[in-house]
Amino acid sequence: MCCTEKILPLLLLYLVECQVVQAENVTVMEGDRAEIACKLHSYDGSIVVIQNPYRQTLFFNGTRALKDERFQLVSFTNKQLRIALSDIRVEDEGGYYCQLYSEDTHHQVAVVTVLVPPKPVVEVNGDDPVENGDVELICTVPRSKPPARIRWFKEKKQIQGVSSQQQSGKTFEITSVVKFPVQRKDNGGIVTCEADLPSVKSSKQRTDFSLSVRFPPVVKIQPPSVLFREGDDLSLTCSITGNPQPDGVVWSRLNDTLPGRAERRGNLLTIAALSTVDNGTYVCEAENELGRSADEYVLVVYDPGAVVESQTSVSYAVVGGVLAIFVFAIICVLIVTVWFSMRQKGSYLTHEASGLDEHGEAREAFINGNETHERKKEYFI
């Protein structure tokens, strides 16, 4: 035990003195800057050389040997020789040799690993979908190292896709396909393709894709909230939505032509100095490749002195419904009242008839009794 305690420190000291050059491995993202260091122990001024994986000499003591401006000298001291490689590529990956030429040649290898971050690209397979149909989206990561993982999200909820990969040299091409039904409300919605390197932190990349769902136009005339009299001006606005968006709208009057004073400016129709001859149904119409839609507005122009009942915001249908319920309730109450009244009256008549029968029997008994008494009386005489 004592001998072991004495020999172990000496062995460690021997290893440290012999380990006169040391290299550290480096992992870096493609396009970034990597620093390669050859650490020196017990440096005596001998020649220090750094070579690339192809055994080409990059630096000779602190002097550039290879004409590649991406390699730069960071520092050269009696403790280390450090160089930097900017805009690193996958082709630069491999072992970099740190060599010290003294009485004995010493060397160590610094392994440089280059990762390729994913850059997802999203496209729709085929034409833009039509409402109530299906859309198929493809997310492609052209290059990644190691293979990227792809996930899909719609409205912040993950949806399942089908992935495949193909290797090309040291990099991988990853493809994921997702398919789901769409409706009109999905137009302009965002679907996200997220790609990352599972073994590498902070490698997540996201690409948002805006859905384009095609549907026929929807036309709506915004009706004015005022009554029109002769001399007033009319302004109607027609709002349209659709995908593709209709080029414009067409204004017309049902079964008649537009008044000569009518002006059409895109979605706006104006008629100055209204008169009763302008009365009619005005139509706004729009169409795209998927269909046509229209909306109508009935214009009623009153004489200046006409008395017009004030309009209420409560629907006549609602008022009629309330009145119908009220009348029905009254009828039900009347029916119930009559039914109870008739029932009580019938009970009274029944009791009264029963009383009369009893009274008749009593009266008959009394009369019969009297007759018997008379007979008895006559008998004794």
Foldseek 3Di string as FASTA:
>chain_A
DVVVVVVVVVVVVVVQQVCQWDWAAAEEEAQAKDKTKIFGDPQDPFWKFKAAPVRHTQDIQQHGDDPDVQKDWDDHDSTMTMIMGGNDDQVRFAWMWIWTDDVDIDIDTHGYHYWYFFDKDKDWDDDAAAFQAKTKMKIKGQWTPPDKDKWKDFPNHTDDWDKDWDDDPRIIMMMTMDMDHHHPVLQQGKMKIWIADVVDPPRIDIDIDGGHYFDKKDKDKDDDPDAAAFQAKDKIFIDMDGVVDFPFKDKAFPPDGQDPQWDDDTRMIMHGRDDQVRFGKMKIKTTDPHGIDMDIDTHGYHYPPDDDDDDDPDDPVVVVVVVVVVVVVVVVVVVVVVVVVVVVVVVVVVVVVVVVVVVVVVVVVVVVVVVVVVVVVVVVD
